[in-house]
Amino acid sequence: FGGVWMRLARVPSEQGGSIAGPLIVSAIATFITAWVLAGSA
């Protein structure tokens, strides 16, 4: 779904730059979500 997402979100295919920052933010947010889910479960 990457191509569809890029078109719908209007993300340029050649935006350049590192994706390390967004991946780190995503990993932290995902860890928090998993932690909350485990506690809620």
All heavy atoms as atom14 arrays in JSON, in Angstrom:
{
  "sequence": "FGGVWMRLARVPSEQGGSIAGPLIVSAIATFITAWVLAGSA",
  "atom14_mask": [
    [1, 1, 1, 1, 1, 1, 1, 1, 1, 1, 1, 0, 0, 0],
    [1, 1, 1, 1, 0, 0, 0, 0, 0, 0, 0, 0, 0, 0],
    [1, 1, 1, 1, 0, 0, 0, 0, 0, 0, 0, 0, 0, 0],
    [1, 1, 1, 1, 1, 1, 1, 0, 0, 0, 0, 0, 0, 0],
    [1, 1, 1, 1, 1, 1, 1, 1, 1, 1, 1, 1, 1, 1],
    [1, 1, 1, 1, 1, 1, 1, 1, 0, 0, 0, 0, 0, 0],
    [1, 1, 1, 1, 1, 1, 1, 1, 1, 1, 1, 0, 0, 0],
    [1, 1, 1, 1, 1, 1, 1, 1, 0, 0, 0, 0, 0, 0],
    [1, 1, 1, 1, 1, 0, 0, 0, 0, 0, 0, 0, 0, 0],
    [1, 1, 1, 1, 1, 1, 1, 1, 1, 1, 1, 0, 0, 0],
    [1, 1, 1, 1, 1, 1, 1, 0, 0, 0, 0, 0, 0, 0],
    [1, 1, 1, 1, 1, 1, 1, 0, 0, 0, 0, 0, 0, 0],
    [1, 1, 1, 1, 1, 1, 0, 0, 0, 0, 0, 0, 0, 0],
    [1, 1, 1, 1, 1, 1, 1, 1, 1, 0, 0, 0, 0, 0],
    [1, 1, 1, 1, 1, 1, 1, 1, 1, 0, 0, 0, 0, 0],
    [1, 1, 1, 1, 0, 0, 0, 0, 0, 0, 0, 0, 0, 0],
    [1, 1, 1, 1, 0, 0, 0, 0, 0, 0, 0, 0, 0, 0],
    [1, 1, 1, 1, 1, 1, 0, 0, 0, 0, 0, 0, 0, 0],
    [1, 1, 1, 1, 1, 1, 1, 1, 0, 0, 0, 0, 0, 0],
    [1, 1, 1, 1, 1, 0, 0, 0, 0, 0, 0, 0, 0, 0],
    [1, 1, 1, 1, 0, 0, 0, 0, 0, 0, 0, 0, 0, 0],
    [1, 1, 1, 1, 1, 1, 1, 0, 0, 0, 0, 0, 0, 0],
    [1, 1, 1, 1, 1, 1, 1, 1, 0, 0, 0, 0, 0, 0],
    [1, 1, 1, 1, 1, 1, 1, 1, 0, 0, 0, 0, 0, 0],
    [1, 1, 1, 1, 1, 1, 1, 0, 0, 0, 0, 0, 0, 0],
    [1, 1, 1, 1, 1, 1, 0, 0, 0, 0, 0, 0, 0, 0],
    [1, 1, 1, 1, 1, 0, 0, 0, 0, 0, 0, 0, 0, 0],
    [1, 1, 1, 1, 1, 1, 1, 1, 0, 0, 0, 0, 0, 0],
    [1, 1, 1, 1, 1, 0, 0, 0, 0, 0, 0, 0, 0, 0],
    [1, 1, 1, 1, 1, 1, 1, 0, 0, 0, 0, 0, 0, 0],
    [1, 1, 1, 1, 1, 1, 1, 1, 1, 1, 1, 0, 0, 0],
    [1, 1, 1, 1, 1, 1, 1, 1, 0, 0, 0, 0, 0, 0],
    [1, 1, 1, 1, 1, 1, 1, 0, 0, 0, 0, 0, 0, 0],
    [1, 1, 1, 1, 1, 0, 0, 0, 0, 0, 0, 0, 0, 0],
    [1, 1, 1, 1, 1, 1, 1, 1, 1, 1, 1, 1, 1, 1],
    [1, 1, 1, 1, 1, 1, 1, 0, 0, 0, 0, 0, 0, 0],
    [1, 1, 1, 1, 1, 1, 1, 1, 0, 0, 0, 0, 0, 0],
    [1, 1, 1, 1, 1, 0, 0, 0, 0, 0, 0, 0, 0, 0],
    [1, 1, 1, 1, 0, 0, 0, 0, 0, 0, 0, 0, 0, 0],
    [1, 1, 1, 1, 1, 1, 0, 0, 0, 0, 0, 0, 0, 0],
    [1, 1, 1, 1, 1, 0, 0, 0, 0, 0, 0, 0, 0, 0]
  ],
  "atom14_positions": [
    [[0.8, -1.22, 0.0], [0.0, 0.0, 0.0], [0.83, 1.28, 0.0], [0.28, 2.38, 0.08], [-0.93, 0.02, 1.22], [-1.87, -1.15, 1.27], [-1.75, -2.11, 2.26], [-2.87, -1.3, 0.32], [-2.61, -3.19, 2.32], [-3.74, -2.38, 0.37], [-3.61, -3.33, 1.37], [0.0, 0.0, 0.0], [0.0, 0.0, 0.0], [0.0, 0.0, 0.0]],
    [[2.16, 1.16, -0.07], [3.03, 2.33, 0.02], [2.77, 3.36, -1.06], [2.68, 4.56, -0.78], [0.0, 0.0, 0.0], [0.0, 0.0, 0.0], [0.0, 0.0, 0.0], [0.0, 0.0, 0.0], [0.0, 0.0, 0.0], [0.0, 0.0, 0.0], [0.0, 0.0, 0.0], [0.0, 0.0, 0.0], [0.0, 0.0, 0.0], [0.0, 0.0, 0.0]],
    [[2.63, 2.92, -2.29], [2.38, 3.85, -3.39], [1.04, 4.54, -3.26], [0.92, 5.76, -3.48], [0.0, 0.0, 0.0], [0.0, 0.0, 0.0], [0.0, 0.0, 0.0], [0.0, 0.0, 0.0], [0.0, 0.0, 0.0], [0.0, 0.0, 0.0], [0.0, 0.0, 0.0], [0.0, 0.0, 0.0], [0.0, 0.0, 0.0], [0.0, 0.0, 0.0]],
    [[0.03, 3.78, -2.88], [-1.31, 4.35, -2.69], [-1.27, 5.36, -1.55], [-1.82, 6.46, -1.66], [-2.34, 3.23, -2.39], [-3.7, 3.82, -2.04], [-2.44, 2.27, -3.56], [0.0, 0.0, 0.0], [0.0, 0.0, 0.0], [0.0, 0.0, 0.0], [0.0, 0.0, 0.0], [0.0, 0.0, 0.0], [0.0, 0.0, 0.0], [0.0, 0.0, 0.0]],
    [[-0.61, 5.0, -0.46], [-0.51, 5.9, 0.69], [0.2, 7.2, 0.29], [-0.27, 8.3, 0.64], [0.24, 5.22, 1.84], [0.55, 6.16, 2.96], [-0.31, 6.59, 3.93], [1.79, 6.82, 3.21], [0.32, 7.47, 4.77], [1.62, 7.63, 4.34], [3.02, 6.81, 2.58], [2.64, 8.41, 4.86], [4.05, 7.58, 3.1], [3.84, 8.38, 4.22]],
    [[1.31, 7.1, -0.43], [2.06, 8.29, -0.84], [1.19, 9.21, -1.69], [1.22, 10.43, -1.53], [3.33, 7.9, -1.58], [4.38, 7.28, -0.66], [5.87, 6.79, -1.52], [6.66, 8.38, -1.67], [0.0, 0.0, 0.0], [0.0, 0.0, 0.0], [0.0, 0.0, 0.0], [0.0, 0.0, 0.0], [0.0, 0.0, 0.0], [0.0, 0.0, 0.0]],
    [[0.41, 8.63, -2.6], [-0.46, 9.44, -3.45], [-1.57, 10.1, -2.63], [-1.8, 11.3, -2.75], [-1.05, 8.56, -4.56], [-1.96, 9.33, -5.52], [-2.49, 8.45, -6.65], [-3.02, 7.16, -6.25], [-4.23, 6.96, -5.72], [-5.03, 7.99, -5.51], [-4.64, 5.75, -5.39], [0.0, 0.0, 0.0], [0.0, 0.0, 0.0], [0.0, 0.0, 0.0]],
    [[-2.23, 9.32, -1.79], [-3.35, 9.86, -1.0], [-2.88, 10.89, 0.03], [-3.57, 11.88, 0.28], [-4.09, 8.73, -0.29], [-4.88, 7.78, -1.19], [-5.37, 6.58, -0.39], [-6.05, 8.5, -1.86], [0.0, 0.0, 0.0], [0.0, 0.0, 0.0], [0.0, 0.0, 0.0], [0.0, 0.0, 0.0], [0.0, 0.0, 0.0], [0.0, 0.0, 0.0]],
    [[-1.71, 10.65, 0.63], [-1.18, 11.57, 1.65], [-0.4, 12.72, 1.03], [0.07, 13.6, 1.74], [-0.3, 10.8, 2.63], [0.0, 0.0, 0.0], [0.0, 0.0, 0.0], [0.0, 0.0, 0.0], [0.0, 0.0, 0.0], [0.0, 0.0, 0.0], [0.0, 0.0, 0.0], [0.0, 0.0, 0.0], [0.0, 0.0, 0.0], [0.0, 0.0, 0.0]],
    [[-0.25, 12.67, -0.28], [0.49, 13.7, -1.02], [1.94, 13.82, -0.53], [2.45, 14.92, -0.32], [-0.23, 15.04, -0.96], [-1.59, 15.01, -1.62], [-2.25, 16.38, -1.58], [-3.59, 16.3, -2.14], [-4.71, 16.18, -1.43], [-4.64, 16.12, -0.12], [-5.88, 16.12, -2.01], [0.0, 0.0, 0.0], [0.0, 0.0, 0.0], [0.0, 0.0, 0.0]],
    [[2.57, 12.66, -0.36], [3.96, 12.6, 0.05], [4.79, 12.46, -1.22], [4.58, 11.52, -1.99], [4.22, 11.4, 0.99], [5.7, 11.24, 1.29], [3.41, 11.54, 2.27], [0.0, 0.0, 0.0], [0.0, 0.0, 0.0], [0.0, 0.0, 0.0], [0.0, 0.0, 0.0], [0.0, 0.0, 0.0], [0.0, 0.0, 0.0], [0.0, 0.0, 0.0]],
    [[5.72, 13.37, -1.45], [6.55, 13.25, -2.66], [7.42, 12.0, -2.61], [7.96, 11.66, -1.56], [7.4, 14.52, -2.67], [7.32, 15.07, -1.28], [6.08, 14.53, -0.65], [0.0, 0.0, 0.0], [0.0, 0.0, 0.0], [0.0, 0.0, 0.0], [0.0, 0.0, 0.0], [0.0, 0.0, 0.0], [0.0, 0.0, 0.0], [0.0, 0.0, 0.0]],
    [[7.55, 11.33, -3.73], [8.33, 10.09, -3.76], [9.81, 10.34, -3.56], [10.54, 9.46, -3.13], [8.09, 9.34, -5.07], [8.45, 10.14, -6.16], [0.0, 0.0, 0.0], [0.0, 0.0, 0.0], [0.0, 0.0, 0.0], [0.0, 0.0, 0.0], [0.0, 0.0, 0.0], [0.0, 0.0, 0.0], [0.0, 0.0, 0.0], [0.0, 0.0, 0.0]],
    [[10.28, 11.52, -3.85], [11.69, 11.87, -3.7], [11.85, 12.96, -2.64], [12.35, 14.03, -2.91], [12.26, 12.34, -5.04], [12.21, 11.31, -6.15], [13.0, 10.07, -5.86], [14.05, 10.16, -5.2], [12.57, 8.99, -6.3], [0.0, 0.0, 0.0], [0.0, 0.0, 0.0], [0.0, 0.0, 0.0], [0.0, 0.0, 0.0], [0.0, 0.0, 0.0]],
    [[11.41, 12.68, -1.42], [11.48, 13.72, -0.4], [12.86, 13.84, 0.24], [13.16, 14.81, 0.89], [10.4, 13.54, 0.67], [10.57, 12.33, 1.55], [9.46, 12.23, 2.57], [8.43, 12.88, 2.46], [9.66, 11.43, 3.58], [0.0, 0.0, 0.0], [0.0, 0.0, 0.0], [0.0, 0.0, 0.0], [0.0, 0.0, 0.0], [0.0, 0.0, 0.0]],
    [[13.71, 12.84, 0.04], [15.08, 12.91, 0.55], [15.14, 12.87, 2.06], [14.14, 12.8, 2.75], [0.0, 0.0, 0.0], [0.0, 0.0, 0.0], [0.0, 0.0, 0.0], [0.0, 0.0, 0.0], [0.0, 0.0, 0.0], [0.0, 0.0, 0.0], [0.0, 0.0, 0.0], [0.0, 0.0, 0.0], [0.0, 0.0, 0.0], [0.0, 0.0, 0.0]],
    [[16.34, 12.93, 2.58], [16.53, 12.94, 4.03], [16.48, 11.54, 4.62], [16.12, 10.57, 3.97], [0.0, 0.0, 0.0], [0.0, 0.0, 0.0], [0.0, 0.0, 0.0], [0.0, 0.0, 0.0], [0.0, 0.0, 0.0], [0.0, 0.0, 0.0], [0.0, 0.0, 0.0], [0.0, 0.0, 0.0], [0.0, 0.0, 0.0], [0.0, 0.0, 0.0]],
    [[16.83, 11.47, 5.86], [16.88, 10.22, 6.58], [15.52, 9.9, 7.19], [14.8, 10.79, 7.66], [17.93, 10.31, 7.7], [17.88, 9.17, 8.51], [0.0, 0.0, 0.0], [0.0, 0.0, 0.0], [0.0, 0.0, 0.0], [0.0, 0.0, 0.0], [0.0, 0.0, 0.0], [0.0, 0.0, 0.0], [0.0, 0.0, 0.0], [0.0, 0.0, 0.0]],
    [[15.18, 8.62, 7.2], [13.95, 8.21, 7.87], [14.23, 7.69, 9.28], [13.33, 7.21, 9.95], [13.19, 7.14, 7.05], [14.01, 5.86, 6.91], [12.78, 7.68, 5.7], [13.22, 4.68, 6.43], [0.0, 0.0, 0.0], [0.0, 0.0, 0.0], [0.0, 0.0, 0.0], [0.0, 0.0, 0.0], [0.0, 0.0, 0.0], [0.0, 0.0, 0.0]],
    [[15.47, 7.84, 9.73], [15.84, 7.35, 11.07], [15.0, 8.03, 12.15], [14.51, 7.35, 13.06], [17.33, 7.57, 11.32], [0.0, 0.0, 0.0], [0.0, 0.0, 0.0], [0.0, 0.0, 0.0], [0.0, 0.0, 0.0], [0.0, 0.0, 0.0], [0.0, 0.0, 0.0], [0.0, 0.0, 0.0], [0.0, 0.0, 0.0], [0.0, 0.0, 0.0]],
    [[14.85, 9.33, 12.07], [14.07, 10.06, 13.08], [12.64, 9.57, 13.17], [12.18, 9.19, 14.27], [0.0, 0.0, 0.0], [0.0, 0.0, 0.0], [0.0, 0.0, 0.0], [0.0, 0.0, 0.0], [0.0, 0.0, 0.0], [0.0, 0.0, 0.0], [0.0, 0.0, 0.0], [0.0, 0.0, 0.0], [0.0, 0.0, 0.0], [0.0, 0.0, 0.0]],
    [[11.91, 9.54, 12.05], [10.54, 9.03, 12.11], [10.45, 7.57, 12.58], [9.51, 7.21, 13.28], [10.04, 9.17, 10.67], [10.85, 10.28, 10.1], [12.2, 10.15, 10.75], [0.0, 0.0, 0.0], [0.0, 0.0, 0.0], [0.0, 0.0, 0.0], [0.0, 0.0, 0.0], [0.0, 0.0, 0.0], [0.0, 0.0, 0.0], [0.0, 0.0, 0.0]],
    [[11.44, 6.75, 12.22], [11.41, 5.36, 12.68], [11.62, 5.26, 14.18], [11.0, 4.42, 14.85], [12.47, 4.53, 11.94], [12.12, 4.14, 10.51], [13.29, 3.42, 9.85], [10.87, 3.28, 10.46], [0.0, 0.0, 0.0], [0.0, 0.0, 0.0], [0.0, 0.0, 0.0], [0.0, 0.0, 0.0], [0.0, 0.0, 0.0], [0.0, 0.0, 0.0]],
    [[12.49, 6.09, 14.73], [12.7, 6.09, 16.18], [11.44, 6.54, 16.91], [11.01, 5.92, 17.88], [13.92, 6.98, 16.56], [15.21, 6.32, 16.06], [13.97, 7.23, 18.06], [16.43, 7.21, 16.13], [0.0, 0.0, 0.0], [0.0, 0.0, 0.0], [0.0, 0.0, 0.0], [0.0, 0.0, 0.0], [0.0, 0.0, 0.0], [0.0, 0.0, 0.0]],
    [[10.82, 7.61, 16.4], [9.56, 8.09, 16.99], [8.5, 7.0, 16.92], [7.78, 6.74, 17.89], [9.09, 9.38, 16.3], [7.68, 9.74, 16.71], [10.05, 10.53, 16.59], [0.0, 0.0, 0.0], [0.0, 0.0, 0.0], [0.0, 0.0, 0.0], [0.0, 0.0, 0.0], [0.0, 0.0, 0.0], [0.0, 0.0, 0.0], [0.0, 0.0, 0.0]],
    [[8.41, 6.35, 15.77], [7.44, 5.27, 15.59], [7.7, 4.12, 16.55], [6.76, 3.57, 17.14], [7.47, 4.79, 14.14], [6.55, 3.74, 13.95], [0.0, 0.0, 0.0], [0.0, 0.0, 0.0], [0.0, 0.0, 0.0], [0.0, 0.0, 0.0], [0.0, 0.0, 0.0], [0.0, 0.0, 0.0], [0.0, 0.0, 0.0], [0.0, 0.0, 0.0]],
    [[8.95, 3.74, 16.72], [9.28, 2.64, 17.62], [8.92, 2.98, 19.07], [8.37, 2.13, 19.79], [10.77, 2.29, 17.51], [0.0, 0.0, 0.0], [0.0, 0.0, 0.0], [0.0, 0.0, 0.0], [0.0, 0.0, 0.0], [0.0, 0.0, 0.0], [0.0, 0.0, 0.0], [0.0, 0.0, 0.0], [0.0, 0.0, 0.0], [0.0, 0.0, 0.0]],
    [[9.17, 4.2, 19.47], [8.82, 4.62, 20.85], [7.31, 4.63, 21.03], [6.79, 4.1, 22.03], [9.44, 6.0, 21.17], [10.97, 5.9, 21.23], [8.87, 6.56, 22.47], [11.69, 7.23, 21.27], [0.0, 0.0, 0.0], [0.0, 0.0, 0.0], [0.0, 0.0, 0.0], [0.0, 0.0, 0.0], [0.0, 0.0, 0.0], [0.0, 0.0, 0.0]],
    [[6.59, 5.2, 20.07], [5.13, 5.24, 20.15], [4.54, 3.83, 20.14], [3.59, 3.53, 20.88], [4.56, 6.06, 18.99], [0.0, 0.0, 0.0], [0.0, 0.0, 0.0], [0.0, 0.0, 0.0], [0.0, 0.0, 0.0], [0.0, 0.0, 0.0], [0.0, 0.0, 0.0], [0.0, 0.0, 0.0], [0.0, 0.0, 0.0], [0.0, 0.0, 0.0]],
    [[5.12, 2.96, 19.33], [4.63, 1.58, 19.26], [4.9, 0.84, 20.56], [4.06, 0.08, 21.04], [5.29, 0.85, 18.07], [4.98, 1.59, 16.87], [4.79, -0.56, 17.92], [0.0, 0.0, 0.0], [0.0, 0.0, 0.0], [0.0, 0.0, 0.0], [0.0, 0.0, 0.0], [0.0, 0.0, 0.0], [0.0, 0.0, 0.0], [0.0, 0.0, 0.0]],
    [[6.07, 1.08, 21.16], [6.38, 0.47, 22.46], [5.36, 0.92, 23.51], [4.85, 0.09, 24.29], [7.79, 0.84, 22.9], [8.15, 0.33, 24.25], [8.61, -0.97, 24.42], [8.01, 1.14, 25.38], [8.94, -1.46, 25.69], [8.33, 0.66, 26.64], [8.8, -0.64, 26.8], [0.0, 0.0, 0.0], [0.0, 0.0, 0.0], [0.0, 0.0, 0.0]],
    [[5.04, 2.2, 23.53], [4.05, 2.72, 24.49], [2.69, 2.07, 24.25], [2.01, 1.66, 25.21], [3.97, 4.26, 24.41], [5.27, 4.88, 24.91], [2.77, 4.79, 25.19], [5.41, 6.36, 24.6], [0.0, 0.0, 0.0], [0.0, 0.0, 0.0], [0.0, 0.0, 0.0], [0.0, 0.0, 0.0], [0.0, 0.0, 0.0], [0.0, 0.0, 0.0]],
    [[2.29, 1.94, 23.0], [1.01, 1.31, 22.67], [1.01, -0.14, 23.14], [0.02, -0.6, 23.73], [0.74, 1.39, 21.15], [0.72, 2.75, 20.75], [-0.58, 0.73, 20.79], [0.0, 0.0, 0.0], [0.0, 0.0, 0.0], [0.0, 0.0, 0.0], [0.0, 0.0, 0.0], [0.0, 0.0, 0.0], [0.0, 0.0, 0.0], [0.0, 0.0, 0.0]],
    [[2.09, -0.87, 22.88], [2.16, -2.26, 23.31], [2.12, -2.37, 24.84], [1.47, -3.26, 25.39], [3.43, -2.92, 22.76], [0.0, 0.0, 0.0], [0.0, 0.0, 0.0], [0.0, 0.0, 0.0], [0.0, 0.0, 0.0], [0.0, 0.0, 0.0], [0.0, 0.0, 0.0], [0.0, 0.0, 0.0], [0.0, 0.0, 0.0], [0.0, 0.0, 0.0]],
    [[2.78, -1.45, 25.51], [2.79, -1.43, 26.98], [1.37, -1.21, 27.53], [0.91, -1.92, 28.43], [3.73, -0.34, 27.47], [3.92, -0.33, 28.96], [3.14, 0.3, 29.88], [4.94, -0.99, 29.7], [3.62, 0.07, 31.14], [4.73, -0.72, 31.06], [6.03, -1.78, 29.33], [5.55, -1.21, 32.05], [6.85, -2.26, 30.32], [6.6, -1.99, 31.66]],
    [[0.68, -0.24, 26.95], [-0.69, 0.06, 27.39], [-1.62, -1.12, 27.08], [-2.47, -1.49, 27.9], [-1.2, 1.37, 26.75], [-2.69, 1.56, 26.98], [-0.42, 2.56, 27.28], [0.0, 0.0, 0.0], [0.0, 0.0, 0.0], [0.0, 0.0, 0.0], [0.0, 0.0, 0.0], [0.0, 0.0, 0.0], [0.0, 0.0, 0.0], [0.0, 0.0, 0.0]],
    [[-1.45, -1.71, 25.92], [-2.27, -2.88, 25.56], [-2.01, -4.02, 26.54], [-2.96, -4.67, 27.01], [-1.99, -3.32, 24.13], [-2.71, -4.59, 23.68], [-4.22, -4.45, 23.82], [-2.33, -4.93, 22.25], [0.0, 0.0, 0.0], [0.0, 0.0, 0.0], [0.0, 0.0, 0.0], [0.0, 0.0, 0.0], [0.0, 0.0, 0.0], [0.0, 0.0, 0.0]],
    [[-0.76, -4.28, 26.87], [-0.43, -5.36, 27.82], [-1.06, -5.1, 29.19], [-1.62, -6.01, 29.81], [1.08, -5.52, 27.94], [0.0, 0.0, 0.0], [0.0, 0.0, 0.0], [0.0, 0.0, 0.0], [0.0, 0.0, 0.0], [0.0, 0.0, 0.0], [0.0, 0.0, 0.0], [0.0, 0.0, 0.0], [0.0, 0.0, 0.0], [0.0, 0.0, 0.0]],
    [[-0.98, -3.86, 29.65], [-1.58, -3.51, 30.94], [-3.1, -3.62, 30.9], [-3.72, -4.15, 31.83], [0.0, 0.0, 0.0], [0.0, 0.0, 0.0], [0.0, 0.0, 0.0], [0.0, 0.0, 0.0], [0.0, 0.0, 0.0], [0.0, 0.0, 0.0], [0.0, 0.0, 0.0], [0.0, 0.0, 0.0], [0.0, 0.0, 0.0], [0.0, 0.0, 0.0]],
    [[-3.69, -3.15, 29.82], [-5.15, -3.23, 29.67], [-5.61, -4.68, 29.56], [-6.65, -5.06, 30.12], [-5.59, -2.46, 28.43], [-5.24, -1.1, 28.55], [0.0, 0.0, 0.0], [0.0, 0.0, 0.0], [0.0, 0.0, 0.0], [0.0, 0.0, 0.0], [0.0, 0.0, 0.0], [0.0, 0.0, 0.0], [0.0, 0.0, 0.0], [0.0, 0.0, 0.0]],
    [[-4.83, -5.5, 28.86], [-5.18, -6.92, 28.73], [-5.11, -7.62, 30.09], [-5.95, -8.46, 30.4], [-4.24, -7.59, 27.73], [0.0, 0.0, 0.0], [0.0, 0.0, 0.0], [0.0, 0.0, 0.0], [0.0, 0.0, 0.0], [0.0, 0.0, 0.0], [0.0, 0.0, 0.0], [0.0, 0.0, 0.0], [0.0, 0.0, 0.0], [0.0, 0.0, 0.0]]
  ]
}
